[in-house]
């Protein structure tokens, strides 16, 4: 406004009469004293409580961004307490991104980890505290009371999966042809054992040994094994070396058993193999199971996780219903043919050292959100972590019975985790 007023005065002074000078002086004075725009008052958009139990031995930062990636506020967290985050900017859509960063270092190792949670409603209050395991099993099995030995025949067609053990012992074994001899330690509170075998055709059998005693010895033919109460049959496109882990909870937070575990039947312990189906056994005697299945295909990976009882059968599609169409930091985008609950995307900075890891992980619902700026103080301290140095690594599109909001509330707002959760995850490299 001041420049416009002075220009007007310059153009007018050559034509105006002297008796107008007083009026012009008042006009100029008025132009030069236009009130400036009032300063914006910072508005609180997020608050945080850092509990005394939270590990602050690492360098820890909390950063806030709007949905377009512009930095709003940031704090380096050095102590427990309450922290308010504010901005004078207009927050589009009343949503923000919250990024938690920590630098964990030892004499040789350096880990620089960003975890960004996007599309968070303005005004939320989070709590950072030590994480407690949702399921804890006691390792106090009491005194050792003896040894239990089983000599059993392996299926003539070959073994796809074979596991034998109890909560306190996986034991030792020896193999002679298709005969295996296993010895397991018995403890006061761990004297039940489970043997499970899947043959080359995928058929699964088991034998449960209850209340065994010292020096007890059993000899079994393969035909002596029992059929499972339930078998979940899963079909999928040809996958190389599917990984399966199914643990059964005895319900007393003391004993658990693997009803299916093929980790020792995959490379490097066994030859690689391609499969198109799995048959997984479940027993009624156990009321809760943790099932984890990982399948890798040429163009995508598939992961199934279930923390419930017995899952229903399902089929994996031949083609991934999700595609990443732009893998750059600034232009990241994807196409989804089916709805999903949340997306996990990871970027990283390549390192020539095995002792240095630089990773940025994003968790978000459906939608495109960005982080395009880092706080100036942070950039000065960590110039090697410049945003343009990060490269795309992988994305997972997750279909779950737990919503994105549920995940955030359980992680940072004290909400209880659901007892039963089922996730279908499609992983794109």
Protein backbone atom coordinates (compact mmCIF):
# COMPACT_ATOMS: atom_id res chain seq x y z
CA UNK A 1 0.00 0.00 0.00
CA UNK A 2 2.84 2.40 0.84
CA UNK A 3 4.39 2.12 -2.65
CA UNK A 4 1.07 2.76 -4.36
CA UNK A 5 0.48 5.90 -2.25
CA UNK A 6 3.92 7.38 -2.98
CA UNK A 7 3.54 6.74 -6.69
CA UNK A 8 0.25 8.59 -6.65
CA UNK A 9 1.87 11.53 -4.88
CA UNK A 10 4.68 11.68 -7.47
CA UNK A 11 2.26 11.84 -10.36
CA UNK A 12 0.11 14.47 -8.73
CA UNK A 13 2.65 16.98 -7.40
CA UNK A 14 3.42 18.39 -10.84
CA UNK A 15 -0.16 19.47 -11.46
CA UNK A 16 -1.56 20.33 -8.06
CA UNK A 17 -1.72 23.91 -6.75
CA UNK A 18 0.13 24.88 -3.55
CA UNK A 19 -3.05 25.07 -1.51
CA UNK A 20 -3.46 21.30 -1.97
CA UNK A 21 -0.12 20.48 -0.26
CA UNK A 22 -1.64 20.29 3.24
CA UNK A 23 -4.22 17.76 2.06
CA UNK A 24 -1.55 15.72 0.31
CA UNK A 25 0.61 15.71 3.41
CA UNK A 26 -2.29 14.28 5.40
CA UNK A 27 -2.89 11.72 2.61
CA UNK A 28 0.75 10.61 2.64
CA UNK A 29 0.81 10.42 6.41
CA UNK A 30 -2.27 8.22 6.36
CA UNK A 31 -0.79 5.88 3.73
CA UNK A 32 2.46 5.44 5.61
CA UNK A 33 0.68 4.47 8.80
CA UNK A 34 -1.62 1.68 7.50
CA UNK A 35 -1.85 -0.93 10.25
CA UNK A 36 0.11 -4.15 9.54
CA UNK A 37 -1.69 -7.51 9.33
CA UNK A 38 -2.21 -8.95 12.83
CA UNK A 39 0.09 -11.84 13.75
CA UNK A 40 -1.53 -15.28 13.71
CA UNK A 41 -1.96 -16.98 17.04
CA UNK A 42 -0.43 -20.48 17.19
CA UNK A 43 -3.04 -23.21 17.48
CA UNK A 44 -2.40 -26.50 19.24
CA UNK A 45 -2.77 -29.41 16.82
CA UNK A 46 -1.25 -32.33 18.73
CA UNK A 47 -0.09 -33.24 22.22
CA UNK A 48 2.15 -35.94 23.58
CA UNK A 49 2.96 -37.50 26.93
CA UNK A 50 6.28 -39.30 27.24
CA UNK A 51 6.07 -41.78 30.09
CA UNK A 52 9.00 -42.30 32.43
CA UNK A 53 9.20 -45.91 31.22
CA UNK A 54 9.92 -44.85 27.63
CA UNK A 55 13.47 -45.47 26.44
CA UNK A 56 15.11 -42.10 25.76
CA UNK A 57 18.66 -43.41 25.59
CA UNK A 58 18.34 -42.85 21.85
CA UNK A 59 18.14 -39.47 20.13
CA UNK A 60 14.37 -39.05 19.73
CA UNK A 61 12.41 -36.52 17.63
CA UNK A 62 8.72 -35.94 16.97
CA UNK A 63 7.79 -34.07 13.77
CA UNK A 64 4.43 -32.90 12.42
CA UNK A 65 3.46 -32.24 8.79
CA UNK A 66 0.29 -31.31 6.95
CA UNK A 67 -1.17 -33.66 4.34
CA UNK A 68 0.82 -31.93 1.59
CA UNK A 69 4.09 -32.62 3.36
CA UNK A 70 4.80 -29.15 4.79
CA UNK A 71 6.51 -29.09 8.19
CA UNK A 72 4.31 -27.71 10.97
CA UNK A 73 6.20 -28.29 14.22
CA UNK A 74 8.92 -30.51 15.67
CA UNK A 75 10.56 -31.25 19.00
CA UNK A 76 13.59 -33.16 20.14
CA UNK A 77 12.47 -35.25 23.09
CA UNK A 78 15.10 -35.46 25.82
CA UNK A 79 13.02 -36.21 28.90
CA UNK A 80 9.69 -37.57 30.04
CA UNK A 81 6.81 -35.12 30.32
CA UNK A 82 4.03 -33.42 28.38
CA UNK A 83 4.61 -31.72 25.03
CA UNK A 84 2.31 -29.50 22.96
CA UNK A 85 2.67 -29.03 19.20
CA UNK A 86 1.37 -25.87 17.54
CA UNK A 87 1.21 -24.13 14.19
CA UNK A 88 0.05 -20.85 12.67
CA UNK A 89 -0.67 -22.59 9.35
CA UNK A 90 -4.12 -23.60 8.17
CA UNK A 91 -4.30 -27.40 8.35
CA UNK A 92 -6.04 -28.79 5.31
CA UNK A 93 -8.71 -31.38 6.06
CA UNK A 94 -8.00 -31.24 9.80
CA UNK A 95 -5.44 -34.02 9.39
CA UNK A 96 -1.72 -34.18 10.07
CA UNK A 97 1.15 -36.62 9.79
CA UNK A 98 3.08 -37.59 12.92
CA UNK A 99 6.66 -38.81 12.46
CA UNK A 100 8.65 -40.47 15.23
CA UNK A 101 12.41 -40.64 14.68
CA UNK A 102 15.11 -42.31 16.69
CA UNK A 103 18.84 -42.75 16.25
CA UNK A 104 20.05 -45.86 18.03
CA UNK A 105 23.81 -46.31 18.14
CA UNK A 106 26.47 -48.51 19.65
CA UNK A 107 30.23 -48.51 19.21
CA UNK A 108 29.80 -50.07 15.77
CA UNK A 109 26.10 -49.89 14.78
CA UNK A 110 23.96 -46.94 13.74
CA UNK A 111 20.22 -47.22 13.12
CA UNK A 112 18.31 -44.17 11.85
CA UNK A 113 14.62 -45.01 11.87
CA UNK A 114 11.64 -42.83 10.88
CA UNK A 115 8.09 -44.05 11.52
CA UNK A 116 5.40 -41.82 10.02
CA UNK A 117 1.70 -42.19 10.82
CA UNK A 118 -0.33 -40.25 8.27
CA UNK A 119 -3.89 -38.88 8.18
CA UNK A 120 -4.06 -38.40 11.95
CA UNK A 121 -6.97 -36.18 13.14
CA UNK A 122 -5.90 -32.82 14.51
CA UNK A 123 -6.02 -32.62 18.29
CA UNK A 124 -5.13 -36.19 19.21
CA UNK A 125 -3.17 -36.92 22.38
CA UNK A 126 -0.64 -39.75 22.27
CA UNK A 127 1.34 -41.49 24.98
CA UNK A 128 4.79 -42.99 24.44
CA UNK A 129 5.70 -45.69 26.93
CA UNK A 130 7.48 -48.99 27.15
CA UNK A 131 5.73 -51.64 25.10
CA UNK A 132 4.57 -54.73 26.90
CA UNK A 133 4.07 -58.01 25.11
CA UNK A 134 0.38 -58.83 24.67
CA UNK A 135 1.06 -62.51 25.22
CA UNK A 136 3.73 -63.63 27.63
CA UNK A 137 4.64 -67.23 28.27
CA UNK A 138 6.35 -68.23 31.47
CA UNK A 139 9.68 -69.98 31.06
CA UNK A 140 9.47 -71.33 34.57
CA UNK A 141 8.77 -74.96 33.76
CA UNK A 142 10.05 -76.15 37.10
CA UNK A 143 12.76 -78.71 37.66
CA UNK A 144 13.77 -81.23 35.03
CA UNK A 145 12.19 -84.58 35.85
CA UNK A 146 13.51 -86.85 33.13
CA UNK A 147 13.74 -87.68 29.44
CA UNK A 148 11.13 -88.90 26.96
CA UNK A 149 12.10 -90.76 23.77
CA UNK A 150 10.07 -91.46 20.64
CA UNK A 151 11.16 -93.56 17.67
CA UNK A 152 8.90 -92.91 14.70
CA UNK A 153 8.63 -93.68 11.00
CA UNK A 154 8.65 -90.84 8.49
CA UNK A 155 6.21 -91.05 5.53
CA UNK A 156 7.55 -93.04 2.57
CA UNK A 157 6.55 -90.29 0.10
CA UNK A 158 8.79 -87.75 1.83
CA UNK A 159 8.37 -84.97 4.39
CA UNK A 160 7.08 -81.47 3.73
CA UNK A 161 6.88 -80.55 7.41
CA UNK A 162 7.83 -82.30 10.62
CA UNK A 163 8.06 -80.87 14.14
CA UNK A 164 8.15 -82.47 17.54
CA UNK A 165 8.37 -80.82 20.93
CA UNK A 166 6.77 -79.10 23.87
CA UNK A 167 6.96 -75.76 25.59
CA UNK A 168 10.20 -76.52 27.37
CA UNK A 169 12.07 -78.61 24.81
CA UNK A 170 12.56 -79.29 21.12
CA UNK A 171 15.00 -81.98 22.08
CA UNK A 172 17.68 -83.73 20.06
CA UNK A 173 17.33 -86.33 17.34
CA UNK A 174 19.04 -88.77 15.01
CA UNK A 175 17.88 -90.15 11.65
CA UNK A 176 18.51 -93.58 10.11
CA UNK A 177 16.86 -93.88 6.70
CA UNK A 178 13.19 -93.05 7.26
CA UNK A 179 13.36 -93.71 11.02
CA UNK A 180 13.82 -90.78 13.37
CA UNK A 181 14.60 -90.97 17.05
CA UNK A 182 13.91 -87.91 19.23
CA UNK A 183 14.69 -87.35 22.89
CA UNK A 184 13.07 -84.54 24.84
CA UNK A 185 13.53 -83.21 28.35
CA UNK A 186 10.59 -83.39 30.75
CA UNK A 187 9.91 -80.67 33.31
CA UNK A 188 7.50 -80.40 36.23
CA UNK A 189 5.23 -78.04 34.30
CA UNK A 190 6.03 -79.22 30.79
CA UNK A 191 5.37 -82.92 30.30
CA UNK A 192 3.08 -82.89 27.22
CA UNK A 193 4.48 -83.18 23.70
CA UNK A 194 3.13 -82.92 20.16
CA UNK A 195 4.44 -84.59 17.00
CA UNK A 196 3.11 -83.30 13.64
CA UNK A 197 4.07 -84.48 10.15
CA UNK A 198 3.00 -83.43 6.64
CA UNK A 199 3.88 -85.82 3.83
CA UNK A 200 4.87 -84.95 0.27
CA UNK A 201 1.19 -84.92 -0.74
CA UNK A 202 0.53 -82.32 1.95
CA UNK A 203 -1.51 -84.60 4.21
CA UNK A 204 -1.01 -83.84 7.90
CA UNK A 205 -1.03 -86.18 10.90
CA UNK A 206 -0.18 -85.89 14.58
CA UNK A 207 0.34 -87.69 17.85
CA UNK A 208 -0.18 -86.02 21.23
CA UNK A 209 1.68 -87.35 24.26
CA UNK A 210 0.21 -86.38 27.62
CA UNK A 211 1.71 -86.58 31.11
CA UNK A 212 4.79 -88.50 30.02
CA UNK A 213 7.26 -89.74 32.65
CA UNK A 214 10.99 -90.25 32.90
CA UNK A 215 12.48 -92.97 30.68
CA UNK A 216 9.18 -93.45 28.82
CA UNK A 217 9.84 -94.65 25.29
CA UNK A 218 7.41 -94.98 22.37
CA UNK A 219 7.78 -96.55 18.90
CA UNK A 220 5.40 -95.44 16.12
CA UNK A 221 4.74 -96.40 12.54
CA UNK A 222 3.58 -93.60 10.28
CA UNK A 223 0.15 -95.27 10.10
CA UNK A 224 -0.14 -94.96 13.90
CA UNK A 225 -0.43 -91.17 13.70
CA UNK A 226 -3.86 -89.58 14.05
CA UNK A 227 -5.79 -87.33 11.70
CA UNK A 228 -6.34 -83.73 12.77
CA UNK A 229 -9.78 -82.61 13.90
CA UNK A 230 -9.77 -79.85 11.28
CA UNK A 231 -7.67 -79.32 8.17
CA UNK A 232 -7.53 -75.93 6.45
CA UNK A 233 -6.78 -76.37 2.75
CA UNK A 234 -5.28 -73.27 1.09
CA UNK A 235 -4.69 -72.94 -2.66
CA UNK A 236 -2.44 -70.39 -4.37
CA UNK A 237 -0.36 -69.81 -7.53
CA UNK A 238 2.99 -71.65 -7.64
CA UNK A 239 5.07 -70.32 -4.74
CA UNK A 240 8.66 -71.16 -3.91
CA UNK A 241 9.24 -72.45 -0.37
CA UNK A 242 6.06 -71.30 1.43
CA UNK A 243 6.72 -70.59 5.11
CA UNK A 244 4.16 -71.62 7.73
CA UNK A 245 4.14 -71.27 11.51
CA UNK A 246 1.11 -72.31 13.57
CA UNK A 247 1.40 -72.30 17.35
CA UNK A 248 -1.32 -73.51 19.69
CA UNK A 249 -1.98 -71.96 23.08
CA UNK A 250 -2.87 -74.36 25.88
CA UNK A 251 -4.70 -71.51 27.62
CA UNK A 252 -2.58 -71.25 30.75
CA UNK A 253 0.19 -68.91 29.48
CA UNK A 254 2.54 -71.75 30.30
CA UNK A 255 2.39 -74.33 27.51
CA UNK A 256 2.28 -73.92 23.77
CA UNK A 257 2.84 -76.27 20.86
CA UNK A 258 3.60 -75.99 17.16
CA UNK A 259 0.90 -77.81 15.23
CA UNK A 260 2.64 -76.78 12.00
CA UNK A 261 6.13 -75.37 11.56
CA UNK A 262 8.21 -75.92 8.42
CA UNK A 263 11.16 -73.61 9.14
CA UNK A 264 13.50 -76.60 9.35
CA UNK A 265 12.11 -78.08 6.12
CA UNK A 266 13.12 -75.12 3.93
CA UNK A 267 16.50 -74.04 2.55
CA UNK A 268 19.23 -74.18 3.80
CA UNK A 269 18.02 -77.23 5.76
CA UNK A 270 16.19 -78.84 2.82
CA UNK A 271 16.00 -78.52 -0.99
CA UNK A 272 13.94 -75.68 -2.46
CA UNK A 273 10.48 -76.63 -3.76
CA UNK A 274 7.51 -74.97 -5.45
CA UNK A 275 4.01 -75.64 -4.12
CA UNK A 276 0.44 -74.66 -4.96
CA UNK A 277 -1.41 -75.69 -1.81
CA UNK A 278 -1.07 -76.24 1.92
CA UNK A 279 -3.02 -78.42 4.31
CA UNK A 280 -2.73 -77.21 7.90
CA UNK A 281 -4.05 -79.18 10.85
CA UNK A 282 -5.84 -77.87 13.94
CA UNK A 283 -6.99 -79.65 17.11
CA UNK A 284 -10.06 -78.97 19.21
CA UNK A 285 -8.04 -79.42 22.41
CA UNK A 286 -6.47 -75.99 21.77
CA UNK A 287 -8.82 -73.00 21.76
CA UNK A 288 -6.44 -70.36 20.43
CA UNK A 289 -3.98 -70.42 17.55
CA UNK A 290 -1.47 -68.05 16.01
CA UNK A 291 -1.21 -68.72 12.29
CA UNK A 292 1.37 -67.10 10.02
CA UNK A 293 1.80 -67.94 6.31
CA UNK A 294 4.23 -66.28 3.92
CA UNK A 295 4.11 -66.87 0.16
CA UNK A 296 6.45 -65.29 -2.39
CA UNK A 297 5.61 -65.06 -6.07
CA UNK A 298 7.40 -63.49 -9.02
CA UNK A 299 5.73 -60.08 -8.83
CA UNK A 300 4.42 -59.88 -5.27
CA UNK A 301 4.34 -61.50 -1.88
CA UNK A 302 1.41 -62.55 0.25
CA UNK A 303 1.26 -62.81 4.04
CA UNK A 304 -1.58 -64.18 6.13
CA UNK A 305 -1.74 -63.66 9.88
CA UNK A 306 -4.42 -64.83 12.29
CA UNK A 307 -4.45 -64.54 16.08
CA UNK A 308 -7.79 -66.27 16.53
CA UNK A 309 -8.92 -69.85 16.73
CA UNK A 310 -9.15 -71.83 13.48
CA UNK A 311 -9.07 -69.77 10.28
CA UNK A 312 -11.35 -70.44 7.34
CA UNK A 313 -9.93 -71.65 4.05
CA UNK A 314 -9.07 -68.96 1.53
CA UNK A 315 -7.53 -68.63 -1.92
CA UNK A 316 -4.76 -66.25 -2.98
CA UNK A 317 -5.45 -64.40 -6.28
CA UNK A 318 -3.27 -65.08 -9.32
CA UNK A 319 -2.62 -61.34 -9.71
CA UNK A 320 -1.97 -58.79 -7.00
CA UNK A 321 -4.95 -56.40 -6.71
CA UNK A 322 -2.61 -53.51 -5.83
CA UNK A 323 0.11 -51.82 -7.89
CA UNK A 324 2.60 -49.09 -7.09
CA UNK A 325 2.49 -46.79 -10.12
CA UNK A 326 5.14 -44.29 -9.00
CA UNK A 327 7.96 -45.27 -6.65
CA UNK A 328 9.56 -41.84 -6.28
CA UNK A 329 9.46 -39.99 -2.97
CA UNK A 330 7.70 -36.88 -4.24
CA UNK A 331 5.36 -38.61 -6.64
CA UNK A 332 4.55 -41.86 -4.87
CA UNK A 333 1.23 -43.28 -6.06
CA UNK A 334 -0.59 -46.60 -6.36
CA UNK A 335 -3.65 -48.24 -7.87
CA UNK A 336 -5.99 -50.40 -5.80
CA UNK A 337 -8.53 -52.72 -7.41
CA UNK A 338 -9.91 -53.73 -4.00
CA UNK A 339 -10.46 -51.80 -0.76
CA UNK A 340 -7.86 -52.09 1.98
CA UNK A 341 -7.57 -50.92 5.58
CA UNK A 342 -4.06 -49.53 5.63
CA UNK A 343 -0.86 -49.26 3.66
CA UNK A 344 2.68 -49.72 4.95
CA UNK A 345 5.42 -48.30 2.72
CA UNK A 346 9.16 -48.30 3.37
CA UNK A 347 11.91 -46.15 1.87
CA UNK A 348 15.58 -46.47 2.69
CA UNK A 349 18.99 -44.98 2.04
CA UNK A 350 21.47 -47.54 0.69
CA UNK A 351 24.56 -48.03 2.82
CA UNK A 352 27.87 -49.71 2.09
CA UNK A 353 28.10 -50.75 5.71
CA UNK A 354 26.29 -53.68 7.30
CA UNK A 355 26.33 -51.70 10.54
CA UNK A 356 24.33 -48.72 9.27
CA UNK A 357 20.59 -48.77 8.56
CA UNK A 358 18.56 -45.76 7.40
CA UNK A 359 14.86 -46.51 7.03
CA UNK A 360 11.65 -44.48 6.72
CA UNK A 361 8.41 -46.37 7.28
CA UNK A 362 4.95 -44.97 6.50
CA UNK A 363 1.62 -46.26 7.79
CA UNK A 364 -1.49 -44.71 6.28
CA UNK A 365 -5.09 -45.41 5.25
CA UNK A 366 -6.18 -45.19 1.62
CA UNK A 367 -5.06 -41.88 0.11
CA UNK A 368 -1.87 -40.09 -0.91
CA UNK A 369 -0.06 -38.19 1.85
CA UNK A 370 3.43 -36.77 1.76
CA UNK A 371 6.36 -35.65 3.90
CA UNK A 372 8.46 -33.14 1.96
CA UNK A 373 10.32 -31.15 4.62
CA UNK A 374 12.49 -31.81 7.64
CA UNK A 375 13.05 -29.32 10.49
CA UNK A 376 16.07 -27.10 9.93
CA UNK A 377 17.68 -28.11 13.25
CA UNK A 378 17.26 -31.77 12.36
CA UNK A 379 18.77 -31.33 8.89
CA UNK A 380 21.84 -29.65 10.39
CA UNK A 381 22.34 -32.53 12.82
CA UNK A 382 21.70 -35.30 10.27
CA UNK A 383 22.66 -34.03 6.78
CA UNK A 384 23.04 -37.64 5.57
CA UNK A 385 19.29 -38.15 6.10
CA UNK A 386 18.18 -35.63 3.47
CA UNK A 387 14.82 -36.60 2.02
CA UNK A 388 16.10 -36.78 -1.56
CA UNK A 389 18.49 -39.59 -0.52
CA UNK A 390 15.67 -42.04 0.29
CA UNK A 391 14.76 -44.72 -2.27
CA UNK A 392 11.65 -46.90 -2.52
CA UNK A 393 11.93 -50.36 -0.95
CA UNK A 394 8.51 -52.03 -0.49
CA UNK A 395 4.80 -51.53 0.18
CA UNK A 396 2.23 -53.72 1.89
CA UNK A 397 -1.52 -53.30 1.37
CA UNK A 398 -3.33 -54.77 4.35
CA UNK A 399 -6.90 -56.04 4.57
CA UNK A 400 -7.78 -56.59 8.21
CA UNK A 401 -10.64 -56.84 10.66
CA UNK A 402 -8.83 -54.08 12.57
CA UNK A 403 -9.13 -50.55 11.15
CA UNK A 404 -6.32 -48.03 10.77
CA UNK A 405 -7.91 -45.99 13.55
CA UNK A 406 -7.90 -49.06 15.80
CA UNK A 407 -4.19 -49.57 15.15
CA UNK A 408 -3.34 -45.98 16.11
CA UNK A 409 -5.51 -46.06 19.23
CA UNK A 410 -4.00 -49.32 20.44
CA UNK A 411 -0.44 -48.15 19.75
CA UNK A 412 -0.58 -44.66 21.26
CA UNK A 413 -3.90 -44.02 22.99
CA UNK A 414 -4.28 -46.88 25.44
CA UNK A 415 -6.98 -48.82 23.59
CA UNK A 416 -6.95 -52.57 24.05
CA UNK A 417 -5.82 -54.77 21.20
CA UNK A 418 -8.51 -57.08 19.82
CA UNK A 419 -8.14 -60.66 20.99
CA UNK A 420 -8.70 -61.91 17.47
CA UNK A 421 -7.12 -60.30 14.45
CA UNK A 422 -6.93 -61.50 10.85
CA UNK A 423 -4.73 -59.80 8.25
CA UNK A 424 -4.27 -60.39 4.52
CA UNK A 425 -1.20 -58.50 3.33
CA UNK A 426 -0.08 -58.00 -0.28
CA UNK A 427 3.58 -57.02 -0.52
CA UNK A 428 5.05 -55.17 -3.52
CA UNK A 429 8.78 -54.71 -4.02
